[in-house]
Amino acid sequence: MTSRLERGVTYVILALFAVVSLTPVLGILSSALGRQSSLNTGFSWPSSLNWGNFSDAWSQGHFGRYLGNSVLVTVCVVVGASVLSILAAYAFGVMRFPGSTVLFYLFVIGLTLPEEALVVPLYFDLREWGMTDTYWGLILPQGAQSLAFGVFWMRTYFRQSPRSVVEAARIDGASSWGTLWRVLVPMGRPAISTMVVMLFMWTWNEFLMALVMVSDDAHRTVPLGLAFFQGQHSSDTALLAAGSVLIALPVVVVYVALQRRFIAGMLTGAVKE
């Protein structure tokens, strides 16, 4: 049992961390609601709330088009990488076949290679295949990067799954496919939700890949669109802050919607026997 003093100290520490974490968020919000062309640094609340900054940033920055591009790319990457990660991780974590260890470490190598070292040769390869300035030029490289993490993450979950559950499913006549989708996947929703949130944030915020692979305005994603918007409105803090809020909002919504399973997947695993 924790004492009242220990609980009090814990709450104080958590409150301090909350203040530190929320200060930049409040600064961005105050700037976004400030008067355009003002010199507000974000640490003083504006005298009037200018909600029109969001509509101005939306229309002037063409964020509607960029958000649509980001949604398309992110959904394709997250769904494709998640399904392929679950299938590959199930094979590596549950099945036994020759060369499984070597193949798994080939996936793990993808986590160690820096994106900066791959993006230039990758650009020339995709340009040769006519995939630059296309959605495929964004989806395929980011899907491959996400697959490396997804396989590593889900393999850990499958290896921690109770063997008795898998054996019971097989005794009942379930195939490998049925054991995966009817038994292990429902049990692993926290781990899968954590993977989905991580992949969503990484894909949504990806900048370098979009900067190199896309040169036309029609295929820009929101991080790249914000960079060009900043170049056009470098002195207008309110519009820049409003655009930043619009871009960050989908990530916040996804995290809030999946936060319980995200935390459960980060802190707990499958029950071991």
Protein backbone atom coordinates (compact mmCIF):
# COMPACT_ATOMS: atom_id res chain seq x y z
CA MET A 1 0.00 0.00 0.00
CA THR A 2 1.31 3.43 -0.89
CA SER A 3 1.12 6.17 1.69
CA ARG A 4 -0.65 9.47 1.23
CA LEU A 5 2.72 11.24 0.98
CA GLU A 6 3.90 8.94 -1.82
CA ARG A 7 0.68 9.50 -3.75
CA GLY A 8 1.00 13.24 -3.25
CA VAL A 9 4.58 13.27 -4.53
CA THR A 10 3.53 11.16 -7.52
CA TYR A 11 0.72 13.57 -8.40
CA VAL A 12 3.04 16.56 -8.11
CA ILE A 13 5.60 14.96 -10.44
CA LEU A 14 2.88 14.04 -12.94
CA ALA A 15 1.49 17.57 -12.78
CA LEU A 16 4.93 19.03 -13.52
CA PHE A 17 5.37 16.73 -16.51
CA ALA A 18 1.88 17.67 -17.71
CA VAL A 19 2.71 21.37 -17.53
CA VAL A 20 5.97 20.86 -19.41
CA SER A 21 4.19 18.80 -22.09
CA LEU A 22 1.22 21.15 -22.50
CA THR A 23 3.18 24.41 -22.62
CA PRO A 24 4.21 24.08 -26.31
CA VAL A 25 0.67 23.00 -27.21
CA LEU A 26 -0.85 26.03 -25.53
CA GLY A 27 1.76 28.23 -27.20
CA ILE A 28 0.80 26.96 -30.66
CA LEU A 29 -2.92 27.37 -29.92
CA SER A 30 -2.48 30.93 -28.64
CA SER A 31 -0.48 31.82 -31.75
CA ALA A 32 -3.07 30.21 -34.02
CA LEU A 33 -5.84 32.26 -32.43
CA GLY A 34 -3.88 35.52 -32.48
CA ARG A 35 -4.14 38.39 -34.89
CA GLN A 36 -2.52 37.86 -38.27
CA SER A 37 0.81 39.65 -38.86
CA SER A 38 1.19 40.06 -35.09
CA LEU A 39 4.44 39.38 -33.26
CA ASN A 40 2.89 37.08 -30.66
CA THR A 41 5.47 34.47 -29.62
CA GLY A 42 2.81 32.07 -28.38
CA PHE A 43 3.25 32.56 -24.64
CA SER A 44 0.62 35.25 -24.17
CA TRP A 45 -3.07 34.67 -24.73
CA PRO A 46 -4.48 36.86 -27.53
CA SER A 47 -6.92 39.62 -26.71
CA SER A 48 -9.47 38.19 -29.17
CA LEU A 49 -9.94 34.71 -30.60
CA ASN A 50 -9.48 34.81 -34.36
CA TRP A 51 -11.01 31.51 -35.47
CA GLY A 52 -10.86 32.71 -39.07
CA ASN A 53 -7.13 31.97 -39.10
CA PHE A 54 -7.91 28.28 -39.55
CA SER A 55 -10.13 28.85 -42.58
CA ASP A 56 -7.57 31.26 -44.07
CA ALA A 57 -4.75 28.76 -43.58
CA TRP A 58 -6.93 26.00 -45.01
CA SER A 59 -7.74 27.92 -48.19
CA GLN A 60 -4.43 29.71 -48.74
CA GLY A 61 -2.29 26.67 -47.97
CA HIS A 62 -4.43 24.22 -50.01
CA PHE A 63 -4.45 21.92 -46.98
CA GLY A 64 -7.63 20.23 -48.14
CA ARG A 65 -5.77 18.69 -51.08
CA TYR A 66 -2.71 17.89 -49.00
CA LEU A 67 -4.78 16.27 -46.27
CA GLY A 68 -6.48 14.09 -48.85
CA ASN A 69 -3.10 12.99 -50.19
CA SER A 70 -1.81 12.25 -46.70
CA VAL A 71 -4.92 10.28 -45.81
CA LEU A 72 -4.61 8.16 -48.95
CA VAL A 73 -0.91 7.48 -48.46
CA THR A 74 -1.22 6.86 -44.72
CA VAL A 75 -4.19 4.50 -44.98
CA CYS A 76 -2.51 2.46 -47.73
CA VAL A 77 0.79 2.26 -45.82
CA VAL A 78 -0.74 1.45 -42.44
CA VAL A 79 -3.23 -1.13 -43.71
CA GLY A 80 -0.79 -2.81 -46.07
CA ALA A 81 2.12 -2.83 -43.63
CA SER A 82 -0.07 -4.01 -40.74
CA VAL A 83 -1.53 -6.98 -42.64
CA LEU A 84 1.83 -8.03 -44.06
CA SER A 85 3.51 -7.57 -40.66
CA ILE A 86 0.96 -9.78 -38.93
CA LEU A 87 1.35 -12.52 -41.55
CA ALA A 88 5.16 -12.42 -41.55
CA ALA A 89 5.45 -12.12 -37.78
CA TYR A 90 3.11 -15.08 -37.30
CA ALA A 91 5.37 -17.16 -39.52
CA PHE A 92 8.50 -16.05 -37.65
CA GLY A 93 6.98 -16.27 -34.18
CA VAL A 94 4.87 -19.43 -34.32
CA MET A 95 5.91 -21.54 -37.29
CA ARG A 96 9.19 -23.35 -37.65
CA PHE A 97 10.83 -23.52 -41.06
CA PRO A 98 14.42 -23.52 -42.39
CA GLY A 99 16.03 -20.12 -42.63
CA SER A 100 13.45 -18.34 -40.48
CA THR A 101 16.09 -16.75 -38.25
CA VAL A 102 18.09 -15.43 -41.18
CA LEU A 103 15.00 -14.02 -42.86
CA PHE A 104 13.88 -12.36 -39.66
CA TYR A 105 17.21 -10.60 -39.19
CA LEU A 106 16.99 -9.37 -42.77
CA PHE A 107 13.80 -7.60 -41.70
CA VAL A 108 15.52 -6.24 -38.59
CA ILE A 109 18.28 -4.73 -40.75
CA GLY A 110 15.59 -2.43 -42.12
CA LEU A 111 15.37 -0.82 -38.68
CA THR A 112 19.08 -0.02 -38.62
CA LEU A 113 19.46 1.56 -42.06
CA PRO A 114 19.05 5.37 -41.95
CA GLU A 115 16.54 6.81 -44.37
CA GLU A 116 19.03 9.47 -45.48
CA ALA A 117 21.35 6.78 -46.83
CA LEU A 118 18.62 5.15 -48.92
CA VAL A 119 16.49 7.99 -50.23
CA VAL A 120 18.82 9.12 -53.06
CA PRO A 121 19.42 5.70 -54.71
CA LEU A 122 15.76 4.91 -54.09
CA TYR A 123 14.80 8.07 -55.96
CA PHE A 124 16.80 7.06 -59.04
CA ASP A 125 15.30 3.56 -58.99
CA LEU A 126 11.75 4.86 -58.75
CA ARG A 127 12.41 7.50 -61.38
CA GLU A 128 13.61 4.76 -63.72
CA TRP A 129 10.32 2.94 -63.15
CA GLY A 130 8.26 6.09 -63.61
CA MET A 131 7.02 6.18 -59.99
CA THR A 132 8.21 9.62 -58.92
CA ASP A 133 5.46 12.21 -58.59
CA THR A 134 2.99 9.39 -57.99
CA TYR A 135 1.29 8.00 -54.91
CA TRP A 136 3.15 4.72 -55.38
CA GLY A 137 6.42 6.58 -55.00
CA LEU A 138 5.31 7.50 -51.48
CA ILE A 139 3.42 4.36 -50.50
CA LEU A 140 5.92 1.66 -51.45
CA PRO A 141 9.06 3.05 -49.73
CA GLN A 142 7.19 3.99 -46.55
CA GLY A 143 5.40 0.65 -46.55
CA ALA A 144 8.75 -1.16 -46.70
CA GLN A 145 10.10 0.93 -43.83
CA SER A 146 6.99 0.31 -41.75
CA LEU A 147 7.12 -3.42 -42.47
CA ALA A 148 10.49 -3.76 -40.76
CA PHE A 149 9.14 -2.34 -37.50
CA GLY A 150 5.81 -4.15 -37.78
CA VAL A 151 7.40 -7.57 -38.19
CA PHE A 152 9.77 -6.96 -35.29
CA TRP A 153 6.95 -5.72 -33.03
CA MET A 154 4.37 -8.41 -33.84
CA ARG A 155 6.88 -11.28 -33.73
CA THR A 156 7.53 -10.42 -30.10
CA TYR A 157 3.81 -10.65 -29.37
CA PHE A 158 3.38 -13.98 -31.17
CA ARG A 159 6.39 -15.49 -29.40
CA GLN A 160 4.87 -14.47 -26.04
CA SER A 161 1.45 -15.91 -26.85
CA PRO A 162 0.54 -18.94 -24.70
CA ARG A 163 1.49 -22.14 -26.48
CA SER A 164 -1.52 -23.89 -24.96
CA VAL A 165 -3.89 -21.56 -26.82
CA VAL A 166 -2.28 -22.35 -30.17
CA GLU A 167 -2.21 -26.07 -29.42
CA ALA A 168 -5.85 -26.06 -28.30
CA ALA A 169 -6.89 -24.35 -31.53
CA ARG A 170 -5.05 -26.94 -33.58
CA ILE A 171 -6.56 -29.80 -31.60
CA ASP A 172 -9.98 -28.34 -32.38
CA GLY A 173 -9.14 -28.57 -36.06
CA ALA A 174 -8.22 -24.94 -36.76
CA SER A 175 -5.76 -24.37 -39.57
CA SER A 176 -2.81 -22.01 -39.27
CA TRP A 177 -4.90 -19.34 -40.98
CA GLY A 178 -7.80 -19.86 -38.57
CA THR A 179 -5.50 -19.89 -35.54
CA LEU A 180 -4.04 -16.57 -36.59
CA TRP A 181 -7.19 -14.61 -37.42
CA ARG A 182 -9.68 -16.21 -35.01
CA VAL A 183 -7.48 -16.70 -31.95
CA LEU A 184 -4.22 -14.74 -31.90
CA VAL A 185 -5.32 -11.54 -33.65
CA PRO A 186 -8.31 -10.91 -31.31
CA MET A 187 -6.04 -11.58 -28.33
CA GLY A 188 -3.40 -9.20 -29.69
CA ARG A 189 -5.56 -6.13 -30.22
CA PRO A 190 -3.49 -3.97 -27.80
CA ALA A 191 -0.25 -4.88 -29.60
CA ILE A 192 -1.83 -4.34 -33.01
CA SER A 193 -3.33 -1.00 -31.93
CA THR A 194 0.08 0.15 -30.71
CA MET A 195 1.64 -0.81 -34.03
CA VAL A 196 -1.11 0.98 -35.98
CA VAL A 197 -0.70 4.19 -33.96
CA MET A 198 3.09 4.17 -34.38
CA LEU A 199 2.88 3.51 -38.12
CA PHE A 200 0.20 6.17 -38.53
CA MET A 201 2.28 8.84 -36.78
CA TRP A 202 5.46 7.98 -38.68
CA THR A 203 3.74 7.91 -42.05
CA TRP A 204 1.68 11.05 -41.44
CA ASN A 205 4.73 13.06 -40.36
CA GLU A 206 7.10 11.74 -43.05
CA PHE A 207 8.84 14.67 -44.73
CA LEU A 208 12.10 13.60 -46.37
CA MET A 209 10.59 10.88 -48.55
CA ALA A 210 7.85 13.22 -49.79
CA LEU A 211 10.36 16.02 -50.39
CA VAL A 212 12.55 13.82 -52.61
CA MET A 213 9.89 11.76 -54.40
CA VAL A 214 7.34 14.51 -55.11
CA SER A 215 7.95 17.70 -57.04
CA ASP A 216 4.43 18.55 -58.21
CA ASP A 217 1.78 20.19 -56.09
CA ALA A 218 -0.86 17.55 -56.85
CA HIS A 219 0.86 14.82 -54.78
CA ARG A 220 2.21 16.81 -51.84
CA THR A 221 1.43 15.58 -48.34
CA VAL A 222 0.69 17.85 -45.39
CA PRO A 223 4.24 18.07 -43.92
CA LEU A 224 5.60 19.04 -47.32
CA GLY A 225 2.69 21.42 -47.91
CA LEU A 226 3.34 23.10 -44.57
CA ALA A 227 7.00 23.64 -45.51
CA PHE A 228 6.00 25.42 -48.72
CA PHE A 229 3.31 27.33 -46.83
CA GLN A 230 5.94 28.47 -44.35
CA GLY A 231 8.08 29.81 -47.17
CA GLN A 232 5.16 31.88 -48.41
CA HIS A 233 4.07 33.17 -44.98
CA SER A 234 7.30 33.17 -42.99
CA SER A 235 6.35 36.36 -41.11
CA ASP A 236 2.74 35.43 -40.34
CA THR A 237 2.96 33.43 -37.13
CA ALA A 238 -0.80 33.08 -36.74
CA LEU A 239 -1.34 31.41 -40.11
CA LEU A 240 1.65 29.12 -39.66
CA ALA A 241 0.43 28.06 -36.23
CA ALA A 242 -3.09 27.49 -37.57
CA GLY A 243 -1.70 25.32 -40.36
CA SER A 244 0.34 23.33 -37.84
CA VAL A 245 -2.75 22.70 -35.73
CA LEU A 246 -4.69 21.48 -38.77
CA ILE A 247 -1.90 19.04 -39.63
CA ALA A 248 -1.45 17.72 -36.09
CA LEU A 249 -5.18 17.29 -35.41
CA PRO A 250 -5.60 13.88 -37.17
CA VAL A 251 -2.71 12.41 -35.20
CA VAL A 252 -4.23 13.64 -31.93
CA VAL A 253 -7.63 12.21 -32.86
CA VAL A 254 -6.17 8.79 -33.71
CA TYR A 255 -4.11 8.70 -30.52
CA VAL A 256 -7.03 9.73 -28.31
CA ALA A 257 -9.27 7.12 -29.95
CA LEU A 258 -6.72 4.32 -29.43
CA GLN A 259 -4.90 5.56 -26.34
CA ARG A 260 -6.09 2.79 -23.99
CA ARG A 261 -5.04 0.01 -26.31
CA PHE A 262 -1.87 1.90 -27.22
CA ILE A 263 -0.82 2.14 -23.56
CA ALA A 264 -1.86 -1.47 -22.93
CA GLY A 265 0.23 -2.61 -25.86
CA MET A 266 3.25 -0.61 -24.69
CA LEU A 267 3.14 -1.70 -21.06
CA THR A 268 1.80 -5.25 -21.20
CA GLY A 269 2.17 -8.25 -23.43
CA ALA A 270 0.40 -11.55 -23.81
CA VAL A 271 0.01 -13.45 -20.55
CA LYS A 272 2.77 -15.96 -20.07
CA GLU A 273 2.25 -19.28 -18.42
